Structure formats: C-alpha cells, structure tokens
Amino acid sequence: MATVTVTILKHTPFFQVVGDENLEDWGFMSRTLSIVGMDGVPLFNQLPSVMRFDKLPQPNGNDWRVNEEPLRDEYIQLNNYDGDGIRRCQNYLWKDNVALYNNKGFPYRQYLVMSRNLLKGIKWEENDKGRFLKFETLKPTDDVSQMTVNSHPHFVHRFDLVGHNSEKKTYHTWNTPRGLVYYFLTSVEGYGYIPERYVREA
C-alpha cells in the first residue's frame, strides 16, 4: 500500500503560481520559444501561461472540466469594468481555442490556473507520485457577486500572457488583446491539487 504524508498548514498561506522561467518543463524560458516554424523561428510572441491542476493528488494529465454556466452573468459583470464585458467574454475569454476552455469553449472550463495568480493553500499531500498542494477553489454555484481581484485574489484571477523579447528573455503581462481579462478559479469539488513545482509561497 502506498504511503501518503499529509502536512496541515499551521496558518493559511497564499501561494503564487510560477512562470515558465521557473520550470524545467519549458527549459526555464518562455514556452513560446519551443514552438517554432519550419524555419526554426518561434511562431508566437505571447501565449497564455496556463498550468493544469487536478481533483486528485497526482500529476495532471487528465482533462477535468467544470460547467460554469451558472457564472455566465457574473463573468460579464466581472469583465465589464469599461463597458466591454460582453464582447470581452464572447470574443476572447470564452472562445473554444483560448486557454481556459481549451477546445470545448464556455461553459466547459478545464482545470487550469495561470502564472502569477494566487492560490489559498489547505495542506500539502505527498505520495509516490510527488508532493502536491491542495488549495481552495470556488464552485460554480457560489455567490461571487461581491468578489474582485482585490477582495479575493485567490478566487478572482487575471489572464497572464508569457512571452520573450529579442534577447529571448521571458516576460509576463496581464494585458491581452482585449485588455485585462478576469476569471473565477472554479472546480466541481471546491478544491484542487497542483504539483509543488508549479507554486511558491507568496
């Protein structure tokens, strides 16, 4: 039987999702540099900086989804800071080929987080597959009407784009082609697990 070690957090620290430059996954540099054309030149200057999480303490190769239909109106309101909320959601955030709804589109949100955002830790779990942070998420039926990135930075996240400059130095920006884009951190369970290498204490 596999050994499981659980470490309860004595306080509730916040953890930041790290960037490509902190991960061996992309050679400690922007993932855009690894996607090249026939001429060997990178195809993208910027891409969404997403990391998968899981509903179990295991490496995340699974395509878990949460139906965010109950949050439709709240998403529009969250992104309506300049009156462009509907277009920002319909033409960018919810597109089936854009990061969070990866190939399915709204409302079938994949279990993903973006670099530089915060997670509220519950505990560490370690097993034969690695060490994982269990963290809080919203459920789509939760009341989010008063939540903002300032009041609840662990539940209201910002789109993060990662890129590189001419010296191949990695950078991040909150600005997207549609301006600042906000999303709720949700799951079916109300929590998620993320590999230790994807986070650092904030």
C-alpha atoms as a PDB file:
ATOM      1  CA  MET A   1       0.000   0.000   0.000  1.00  0.00           C
ATOM      2  CA  ALA A   2       1.341   3.438  -0.959  1.00  0.00           C
ATOM      3  CA  THR A   3       2.455   5.780   1.804  1.00  0.00           C
ATOM      4  CA  VAL A   4       0.711   9.153   1.949  1.00  0.00           C
ATOM      5  CA  THR A   5       2.133  12.003   4.012  1.00  0.00           C
ATOM      6  CA  VAL A   6      -0.174  14.899   4.858  1.00  0.00           C
ATOM      7  CA  THR A   7       1.116  18.219   6.176  1.00  0.00           C
ATOM      8  CA  ILE A   8      -1.597  20.505   7.516  1.00  0.00           C
ATOM      9  CA  LEU A   9      -0.702  24.179   7.098  1.00  0.00           C
ATOM     10  CA  LYS A  10      -0.444  25.863  10.518  1.00  0.00           C
ATOM     11  CA  HIS A  11      -1.644  29.100   9.003  1.00  0.00           C
ATOM     12  CA  THR A  12      -3.266  29.588   5.627  1.00  0.00           C
ATOM     13  CA  PRO A  13      -0.533  30.906   3.382  1.00  0.00           C
ATOM     14  CA  PHE A  14      -1.014  32.064  -0.136  1.00  0.00           C
ATOM     15  CA  PHE A  15       0.985  30.531  -2.945  1.00  0.00           C
ATOM     16  CA  GLN A  16       1.804  32.090  -6.293  1.00  0.00           C
ATOM     17  CA  VAL A  17       1.649  30.093  -9.495  1.00  0.00           C
ATOM     18  CA  VAL A  18       5.141  30.266 -11.012  1.00  0.00           C
ATOM     19  CA  GLY A  19       6.056  31.178 -14.566  1.00  0.00           C
ATOM     20  CA  ASP A  20       7.737  29.325 -17.412  1.00  0.00           C
ATOM     21  CA  GLU A  21      11.084  30.804 -16.387  1.00  0.00           C
ATOM     22  CA  ASN A  22      10.872  28.835 -13.120  1.00  0.00           C
ATOM     23  CA  LEU A  23      10.133  25.479 -14.726  1.00  0.00           C
ATOM     24  CA  GLU A  24      12.213  22.816 -16.399  1.00  0.00           C
ATOM     25  CA  ASP A  25       9.073  21.957 -18.432  1.00  0.00           C
ATOM     26  CA  TRP A  26       9.973  24.752 -20.878  1.00  0.00           C
ATOM     27  CA  GLY A  27      13.711  24.912 -20.279  1.00  0.00           C
ATOM     28  CA  PHE A  28      13.368  27.788 -17.779  1.00  0.00           C
ATOM     29  CA  MET A  29      12.225  30.178 -20.516  1.00  0.00           C
ATOM     30  CA  SER A  30       9.039  31.261 -22.242  1.00  0.00           C
ATOM     31  CA  ARG A  31       7.099  28.351 -23.771  1.00  0.00           C
ATOM     32  CA  THR A  32       6.774  30.438 -26.933  1.00  0.00           C
ATOM     33  CA  LEU A  33      10.414  29.705 -27.769  1.00  0.00           C
ATOM     34  CA  SER A  34       9.731  25.983 -28.059  1.00  0.00           C
ATOM     35  CA  ILE A  35       7.011  26.379 -30.704  1.00  0.00           C
ATOM     36  CA  VAL A  36       8.869  27.052 -33.922  1.00  0.00           C
ATOM     37  CA  GLY A  37       8.036  27.103 -37.610  1.00  0.00           C
ATOM     38  CA  MET A  38       9.755  25.319 -40.498  1.00  0.00           C
ATOM     39  CA  ASP A  39      12.451  27.999 -40.468  1.00  0.00           C
ATOM     40  CA  GLY A  40      13.203  27.405 -36.787  1.00  0.00           C
ATOM     41  CA  VAL A  41      11.821  30.807 -35.778  1.00  0.00           C
ATOM     42  CA  PRO A  42       9.358  30.954 -32.832  1.00  0.00           C
ATOM     43  CA  LEU A  43       5.762  31.216 -34.077  1.00  0.00           C
ATOM     44  CA  PHE A  44       4.401  33.156 -31.102  1.00  0.00           C
ATOM     45  CA  ASN A  45       5.465  36.280 -29.246  1.00  0.00           C
ATOM     46  CA  GLN A  46       2.963  35.638 -26.446  1.00  0.00           C
ATOM     47  CA  LEU A  47       0.797  32.767 -25.216  1.00  0.00           C
ATOM     48  CA  PRO A  48      -1.466  32.269 -22.185  1.00  0.00           C
ATOM     49  CA  SER A  49       0.647  30.957 -19.313  1.00  0.00           C
ATOM     50  CA  VAL A  50      -1.537  28.108 -18.039  1.00  0.00           C
ATOM     51  CA  MET A  51      -0.781  25.265 -15.624  1.00  0.00           C
ATOM     52  CA  ARG A  52      -3.077  22.288 -15.072  1.00  0.00           C
ATOM     53  CA  PHE A  53      -4.395  21.232 -11.714  1.00  0.00           C
ATOM     54  CA  ASP A  54      -6.213  18.062 -10.721  1.00  0.00           C
ATOM     55  CA  LYS A  55      -9.001  16.849  -8.453  1.00  0.00           C
ATOM     56  CA  LEU A  56      -6.612  14.249  -7.009  1.00  0.00           C
ATOM     57  CA  PRO A  57      -3.015  14.447  -5.722  1.00  0.00           C
ATOM     58  CA  GLN A  58      -1.481  13.159  -8.941  1.00  0.00           C
ATOM     59  CA  PRO A  59       0.372  14.501 -11.979  1.00  0.00           C
ATOM     60  CA  ASN A  60      -2.206  16.286 -14.090  1.00  0.00           C
ATOM     61  CA  GLY A  61      -2.658  14.589 -17.410  1.00  0.00           C
ATOM     62  CA  ASN A  62      -6.421  14.445 -17.027  1.00  0.00           C
ATOM     63  CA  ASP A  63      -8.941  16.643 -18.822  1.00  0.00           C
ATOM     64  CA  TRP A  64     -11.172  17.511 -15.871  1.00  0.00           C
ATOM     65  CA  ARG A  65     -13.883  20.065 -16.629  1.00  0.00           C
ATOM     66  CA  VAL A  66     -16.329  22.175 -14.635  1.00  0.00           C
ATOM     67  CA  ASN A  67     -19.565  23.551 -16.097  1.00  0.00           C
ATOM     68  CA  GLU A  68     -19.525  27.298 -15.421  1.00  0.00           C
ATOM     69  CA  GLU A  69     -22.944  28.071 -16.903  1.00  0.00           C
ATOM     70  CA  PRO A  70     -24.229  29.412 -13.526  1.00  0.00           C
ATOM     71  CA  LEU A  71     -21.494  32.081 -13.688  1.00  0.00           C
ATOM     72  CA  ARG A  72     -22.350  33.433 -17.155  1.00  0.00           C
ATOM     73  CA  ASP A  73     -23.771  36.778 -15.996  1.00  0.00           C
ATOM     74  CA  GLU A  74     -21.157  37.174 -13.277  1.00  0.00           C
ATOM     75  CA  TYR A  75     -18.367  36.702 -15.845  1.00  0.00           C
ATOM     76  CA  ILE A  76     -19.783  39.502 -17.980  1.00  0.00           C
ATOM     77  CA  GLN A  77     -20.073  41.774 -14.941  1.00  0.00           C
ATOM     78  CA  LEU A  78     -16.547  40.887 -13.750  1.00  0.00           C
ATOM     79  CA  ASN A  79     -15.126  41.903 -17.126  1.00  0.00           C
ATOM     80  CA  ASN A  80     -17.382  44.914 -17.687  1.00  0.00           C
ATOM     81  CA  TYR A  81     -15.086  47.455 -15.995  1.00  0.00           C
ATOM     82  CA  ASP A  82     -15.076  49.631 -19.130  1.00  0.00           C
ATOM     83  CA  GLY A  83     -18.443  48.626 -20.615  1.00  0.00           C
ATOM     84  CA  ASP A  84     -16.953  45.954 -22.890  1.00  0.00           C
ATOM     85  CA  GLY A  85     -17.707  42.920 -20.721  1.00  0.00           C
ATOM     86  CA  ILE A  86     -19.974  41.043 -23.134  1.00  0.00           C
ATOM     87  CA  ARG A  87     -17.587  41.369 -26.073  1.00  0.00           C
ATOM     88  CA  ARG A  88     -14.584  40.601 -23.874  1.00  0.00           C
ATOM     89  CA  CYS A  89     -16.198  37.338 -22.724  1.00  0.00           C
ATOM     90  CA  GLN A  90     -17.750  36.245 -26.021  1.00  0.00           C
ATOM     91  CA  ASN A  91     -14.867  37.234 -28.299  1.00  0.00           C
ATOM     92  CA  TYR A  92     -11.929  36.312 -26.109  1.00  0.00           C
ATOM     93  CA  LEU A  93     -12.373  34.660 -22.712  1.00  0.00           C
ATOM     94  CA  TRP A  94     -14.938  32.040 -23.755  1.00  0.00           C
ATOM     95  CA  LYS A  95     -13.530  31.141 -27.181  1.00  0.00           C
ATOM     96  CA  ASP A  96     -13.016  27.415 -27.618  1.00  0.00           C
ATOM     97  CA  ASN A  97      -9.443  27.933 -28.806  1.00  0.00           C
ATOM     98  CA  VAL A  98      -8.424  30.218 -25.939  1.00  0.00           C
ATOM     99  CA  ALA A  99      -6.647  28.778 -22.889  1.00  0.00           C
ATOM    100  CA  LEU A 100      -9.217  28.170 -20.158  1.00  0.00           C
ATOM    101  CA  TYR A 101     -11.913  26.425 -22.219  1.00  0.00           C
ATOM    102  CA  ASN A 102      -9.337  24.576 -24.318  1.00  0.00           C
ATOM    103  CA  ASN A 103     -11.039  23.075 -27.414  1.00  0.00           C
ATOM    104  CA  LYS A 104     -14.550  22.990 -25.919  1.00  0.00           C
ATOM    105  CA  GLY A 105     -15.456  26.597 -25.215  1.00  0.00           C
ATOM    106  CA  PHE A 106     -17.639  28.063 -22.500  1.00  0.00           C
ATOM    107  CA  PRO A 107     -19.067  26.780 -20.189  1.00  0.00           C
ATOM    108  CA  TYR A 108     -16.784  23.702 -20.043  1.00  0.00           C
ATOM    109  CA  ARG A 109     -13.827  25.127 -18.192  1.00  0.00           C
ATOM    110  CA  GLN A 110     -10.689  22.988 -17.959  1.00  0.00           C
ATOM    111  CA  TYR A 111      -8.907  22.680 -14.608  1.00  0.00           C
ATOM    112  CA  LEU A 112      -6.294  25.369 -15.280  1.00  0.00           C
ATOM    113  CA  VAL A 113      -4.634  28.263 -13.473  1.00  0.00           C
ATOM    114  CA  MET A 114      -2.402  30.995 -14.845  1.00  0.00           C
ATOM    115  CA  SER A 115       1.035  32.179 -13.763  1.00  0.00           C
ATOM    116  CA  ARG A 116       1.397  34.940 -11.169  1.00  0.00           C
ATOM    117  CA  ASN A 117      -2.057  34.364  -9.671  1.00  0.00           C
ATOM    118  CA  LEU A 118      -2.583  33.329  -6.051  1.00  0.00           C
ATOM    119  CA  LEU A 119      -3.859  30.088  -4.531  1.00  0.00           C
ATOM    120  CA  LYS A 120      -5.043  29.695  -0.938  1.00  0.00           C
ATOM    121  CA  GLY A 121      -3.417  26.558   0.418  1.00  0.00           C
ATOM    122  CA  ILE A 122      -5.212  23.972   2.543  1.00  0.00           C
ATOM    123  CA  LYS A 123      -2.484  21.340   3.014  1.00  0.00           C
ATOM    124  CA  TRP A 124       0.388  19.502   1.353  1.00  0.00           C
ATOM    125  CA  GLU A 125      -0.022  15.870   0.355  1.00  0.00           C
ATOM    126  CA  GLU A 126       2.880  13.640  -0.617  1.00  0.00           C
ATOM    127  CA  ASN A 127       2.611  10.188  -2.182  1.00  0.00           C
ATOM    128  CA  ASP A 128       4.558   8.007  -4.581  1.00  0.00           C
ATOM    129  CA  LYS A 129       3.610  10.391  -7.418  1.00  0.00           C
ATOM    130  CA  GLY A 130       5.046  13.504  -5.794  1.00  0.00           C
ATOM    131  CA  ARG A 131       4.165  16.375  -3.481  1.00  0.00           C
ATOM    132  CA  PHE A 132       1.017  18.363  -4.139  1.00  0.00           C
ATOM    133  CA  LEU A 133      -0.605  21.483  -2.723  1.00  0.00           C
ATOM    134  CA  LYS A 134      -4.310  21.167  -2.011  1.00  0.00           C
ATOM    135  CA  PHE A 135      -5.915  24.586  -2.453  1.00  0.00           C
ATOM    136  CA  GLU A 136      -9.351  26.202  -2.324  1.00  0.00           C
ATOM    137  CA  THR A 137     -11.488  26.911  -5.384  1.00  0.00           C
ATOM    138  CA  LEU A 138     -14.992  28.206  -5.916  1.00  0.00           C
ATOM    139  CA  LYS A 139     -17.842  26.038  -7.098  1.00  0.00           C
ATOM    140  CA  PRO A 140     -19.904  27.480  -9.977  1.00  0.00           C
ATOM    141  CA  THR A 141     -22.933  27.827  -7.687  1.00  0.00           C
ATOM    142  CA  ASP A 142     -21.102  30.004  -5.119  1.00  0.00           C
ATOM    143  CA  ASP A 143     -22.106  33.641  -4.668  1.00  0.00           C
ATOM    144  CA  VAL A 144     -19.365  35.631  -6.393  1.00  0.00           C
ATOM    145  CA  SER A 145     -21.317  38.884  -6.820  1.00  0.00           C
ATOM    146  CA  GLN A 146     -19.098  40.885  -4.452  1.00  0.00           C
ATOM    147  CA  MET A 147     -15.766  39.311  -5.391  1.00  0.00           C
ATOM    148  CA  THR A 148     -12.982  41.245  -7.093  1.00  0.00           C
ATOM    149  CA  VAL A 149      -9.307  40.602  -7.740  1.00  0.00           C
ATOM    150  CA  ASN A 150      -8.566  42.906  -4.788  1.00  0.00           C
ATOM    151  CA  SER A 151     -11.005  41.392  -2.293  1.00  0.00           C
ATOM    152  CA  HIS A 152     -10.487  37.731  -3.277  1.00  0.00           C
ATOM    153  CA  PRO A 153      -7.220  37.391  -5.249  1.00  0.00           C
ATOM    154  CA  HIS A 154      -7.234  33.610  -4.665  1.00  0.00           C
ATOM    155  CA  PHE A 155     -10.636  33.226  -6.381  1.00  0.00           C
ATOM    156  CA  VAL A 156     -10.605  36.036  -8.972  1.00  0.00           C
ATOM    157  CA  HIS A 157      -7.622  35.624 -11.269  1.00  0.00           C
ATOM    158  CA  ARG A 158      -6.212  37.603 -14.187  1.00  0.00           C
ATOM    159  CA  PHE A 159      -5.273  36.318 -17.604  1.00  0.00           C
ATOM    160  CA  ASP A 160      -1.491  36.062 -17.813  1.00  0.00           C
ATOM    161  CA  LEU A 161       0.440  36.042 -21.079  1.00  0.00           C
ATOM    162  CA  VAL A 162       4.033  34.871 -21.275  1.00  0.00           C
ATOM    163  CA  GLY A 163       6.429  35.923 -23.998  1.00  0.00           C
ATOM    164  CA  HIS A 164      10.035  36.682 -24.858  1.00  0.00           C
ATOM    165  CA  ASN A 165      11.943  39.667 -26.172  1.00  0.00           C
ATOM    166  CA  SER A 166      14.663  39.756 -28.819  1.00  0.00           C
ATOM    167  CA  GLU A 167      17.228  38.600 -26.261  1.00  0.00           C
ATOM    168  CA  LYS A 168      14.935  35.625 -25.510  1.00  0.00           C
ATOM    169  CA  LYS A 169      14.316  36.982 -22.016  1.00  0.00           C
ATOM    170  CA  THR A 170      10.984  35.811 -20.593  1.00  0.00           C
ATOM    171  CA  TYR A 171       8.382  38.375 -19.523  1.00  0.00           C
ATOM    172  CA  HIS A 172       4.738  38.313 -18.379  1.00  0.00           C
ATOM    173  CA  THR A 173       1.897  40.737 -18.975  1.00  0.00           C
ATOM    174  CA  TRP A 174      -1.668  40.992 -17.672  1.00  0.00           C
ATOM    175  CA  ASN A 175      -2.639  42.895 -20.838  1.00  0.00           C
ATOM    176  CA  THR A 176      -4.323  40.785 -23.515  1.00  0.00           C
ATOM    177  CA  PRO A 177      -5.640  41.768 -26.957  1.00  0.00           C
ATOM    178  CA  ARG A 178      -8.909  42.509 -25.100  1.00  0.00           C
ATOM    179  CA  GLY A 179      -7.350  44.372 -22.183  1.00  0.00           C
ATOM    180  CA  LEU A 180      -7.397  42.963 -18.668  1.00  0.00           C
ATOM    181  CA  VAL A 181      -9.375  39.719 -18.550  1.00  0.00           C
ATOM    182  CA  TYR A 182     -10.602  38.234 -15.275  1.00  0.00           C
ATOM    183  CA  TYR A 183     -11.804  34.733 -14.495  1.00  0.00           C
ATOM    184  CA  PHE A 184     -13.009  32.767 -11.471  1.00  0.00           C
ATOM    185  CA  LEU A 185     -10.985  29.859 -10.097  1.00  0.00           C
ATOM    186  CA  THR A 186     -13.538  27.047 -10.120  1.00  0.00           C
ATOM    187  CA  SER A 187     -13.804  23.286  -9.834  1.00  0.00           C
ATOM    188  CA  VAL A 188     -16.566  20.773  -9.242  1.00  0.00           C
ATOM    189  CA  GLU A 189     -15.094  19.794  -5.869  1.00  0.00           C
ATOM    190  CA  GLY A 190     -14.325  23.212  -4.366  1.00  0.00           C
ATOM    191  CA  TYR A 191     -10.623  22.390  -4.206  1.00  0.00           C
ATOM    192  CA  GLY A 192      -7.791  21.276  -6.431  1.00  0.00           C
ATOM    193  CA  TYR A 193      -4.307  19.761  -6.289  1.00  0.00           C
ATOM    194  CA  ILE A 194      -1.294  21.208  -8.036  1.00  0.00           C
ATOM    195  CA  PRO A 195       2.276  19.839  -8.220  1.00  0.00           C
ATOM    196  CA  GLU A 196       4.718  21.509  -5.853  1.00  0.00           C
ATOM    197  CA  ARG A 197       6.924  22.680  -8.717  1.00  0.00           C
ATOM    198  CA  TYR A 198       4.103  24.911 -10.021  1.00  0.00           C
ATOM    199  CA  VAL A 199       3.852  27.077  -6.890  1.00  0.00           C
ATOM    200  CA  ARG A 200       5.906  29.052  -4.421  1.00  0.00           C
ATOM    201  CA  GLU A 201       4.859  30.659  -1.152  1.00  0.00           C
ATOM    202  CA  ALA A 202       3.742  34.235  -1.782  1.00  0.00           C
END
